[in-house]
Amino acid sequence: MKLHWYDGGILPERPEELEPERRLPESGTIFVGEKGKLMCETYSESPRLIPERRMQQYKRPKKTIARVEGSHEQAWVDAIKGKIRPVDDFNYAGPFTETVLLGNLAILFPARR
């Protein structure tokens, strides 16, 4: 992928699938897959298949993962007070963090077991 300079920094090459009237976000990611491209803003906000007609044709799956209602901070306080069960408690976050840290070690020491 080629990168292009502009006044605010570096932009990737504009995907041919992106309609002329649509702009690339100032910050974000373009995922290139075997079946198409997905573009999103910072922190994976506003994910969209490109071109937009692909997004309109996409059938979204049912929501099965609990979401935080309101702010994450308030959800944290409510979980401490026992009003709600945390969305990601330590049973999930502990092993997940260990896996990520182990991956970091593997990158730092690629030839070691």
Protein backbone atom coordinates (compact mmCIF):
# COMPACT_ATOMS: atom_id res chain seq x y z
CA MET A 1 0.00 0.00 0.00
CA LYS A 2 1.37 3.41 -0.94
CA LEU A 3 1.26 6.33 1.49
CA HIS A 4 0.66 9.96 0.47
CA TRP A 5 1.57 13.14 2.34
CA TYR A 6 -1.00 15.82 3.02
CA ASP A 7 -0.98 18.85 5.34
CA GLY A 8 -2.14 16.85 8.36
CA GLY A 9 0.23 13.87 8.00
CA ILE A 10 0.26 10.73 5.88
CA LEU A 11 -2.72 9.14 4.14
CA PRO A 12 -2.83 5.73 2.47
CA GLU A 13 -3.51 5.50 -1.23
CA ARG A 14 -7.20 6.13 -1.83
CA PRO A 15 -8.97 2.77 -2.36
CA GLU A 16 -10.46 2.52 -5.84
CA GLU A 17 -13.67 1.16 -4.27
CA LEU A 18 -14.23 4.38 -2.29
CA GLU A 19 -16.79 6.61 -4.00
CA PRO A 20 -15.46 10.02 -5.16
CA GLU A 21 -17.81 11.93 -2.81
CA ARG A 22 -16.64 9.99 0.28
CA ARG A 23 -13.58 11.11 2.20
CA LEU A 24 -11.02 9.04 4.03
CA PRO A 25 -11.23 9.65 7.79
CA GLU A 26 -8.47 11.83 9.27
CA SER A 27 -7.46 8.88 11.42
CA GLY A 28 -8.46 5.27 11.08
CA THR A 29 -7.80 1.92 9.48
CA ILE A 30 -8.49 0.17 6.21
CA PHE A 31 -8.71 -3.61 6.47
CA VAL A 32 -8.00 -5.37 3.17
CA GLY A 33 -9.47 -8.87 2.95
CA GLU A 34 -9.95 -11.50 0.29
CA LYS A 35 -13.58 -10.51 -0.20
CA GLY A 36 -13.33 -6.73 0.12
CA LYS A 37 -12.29 -3.76 2.22
CA LEU A 38 -13.52 -2.36 5.51
CA MET A 39 -12.79 1.22 6.53
CA CYS A 40 -13.19 2.62 10.05
CA GLU A 41 -12.23 5.67 12.07
CA THR A 42 -10.04 5.82 15.17
CA TYR A 43 -10.78 3.10 17.77
CA SER A 44 -12.70 1.19 15.05
CA GLU A 45 -15.56 3.70 15.14
CA SER A 46 -18.03 3.82 12.24
CA PRO A 47 -16.93 0.66 10.40
CA ARG A 48 -18.11 0.62 6.79
CA LEU A 49 -17.63 -1.81 3.94
CA ILE A 50 -16.54 -0.08 0.78
CA PRO A 51 -18.07 0.66 -1.62
CA GLU A 52 -21.21 1.73 0.27
CA ARG A 53 -23.43 -0.60 -1.81
CA ARG A 54 -21.57 -3.53 -0.17
CA MET A 55 -22.47 -2.10 3.24
CA GLN A 56 -26.13 -1.77 2.25
CA GLN A 57 -26.19 -5.41 1.09
CA TYR A 58 -24.57 -6.71 4.28
CA LYS A 59 -26.90 -8.47 6.72
CA ARG A 60 -25.79 -7.73 10.27
CA PRO A 61 -25.70 -10.61 12.77
CA LYS A 62 -27.85 -10.55 15.90
CA LYS A 63 -26.29 -8.78 18.87
CA THR A 64 -25.10 -11.44 21.32
CA ILE A 65 -22.41 -9.57 23.29
CA ALA A 66 -23.47 -7.36 26.20
CA ARG A 67 -22.76 -3.66 25.66
CA VAL A 68 -22.13 -0.92 28.20
CA GLU A 69 -25.15 1.35 28.64
CA GLY A 70 -24.01 4.94 29.08
CA SER A 71 -20.39 5.59 30.04
CA HIS A 72 -17.78 2.97 30.87
CA GLU A 73 -16.96 4.89 34.03
CA GLN A 74 -20.54 4.71 35.29
CA ALA A 75 -20.72 1.01 34.45
CA TRP A 76 -17.53 0.50 36.50
CA VAL A 77 -19.07 2.30 39.49
CA ASP A 78 -22.35 0.37 39.11
CA ALA A 79 -20.42 -2.93 39.03
CA ILE A 80 -18.53 -1.97 42.22
CA LYS A 81 -21.87 -1.21 43.91
CA GLY A 82 -23.21 -4.58 42.77
CA LYS A 83 -25.94 -3.04 40.59
CA ILE A 84 -24.70 -4.79 37.42
CA ARG A 85 -22.33 -7.58 36.47
CA PRO A 86 -19.23 -6.20 34.74
CA VAL A 87 -19.18 -6.74 30.99
CA ASP A 88 -15.51 -7.84 31.11
CA ASP A 89 -14.72 -9.12 34.56
CA PHE A 90 -11.35 -10.54 35.66
CA ASN A 91 -12.38 -14.05 34.56
CA TYR A 92 -12.20 -12.72 31.01
CA ALA A 93 -9.65 -9.91 31.33
CA GLY A 94 -7.00 -11.90 33.24
CA PRO A 95 -6.42 -14.69 30.69
CA PHE A 96 -6.82 -12.20 27.83
CA THR A 97 -4.11 -9.93 29.27
CA GLU A 98 -1.80 -12.91 29.86
CA THR A 99 -2.17 -13.92 26.22
CA VAL A 100 -1.38 -10.41 24.97
CA LEU A 101 1.67 -10.15 27.26
CA LEU A 102 2.89 -13.57 26.13
CA GLY A 103 2.58 -12.38 22.53
CA ASN A 104 4.72 -9.34 23.39
CA LEU A 105 7.39 -11.63 24.85
CA ALA A 106 7.32 -13.78 21.71
CA ILE A 107 7.95 -10.67 19.59
CA LEU A 108 10.82 -9.52 21.84
CA PHE A 109 12.47 -12.95 21.92
CA PRO A 110 11.53 -14.64 18.62
CA ALA A 111 14.17 -17.41 18.71
CA ARG A 112 13.57 -18.52 22.31
CA ARG A 113 11.16 -21.00 23.85
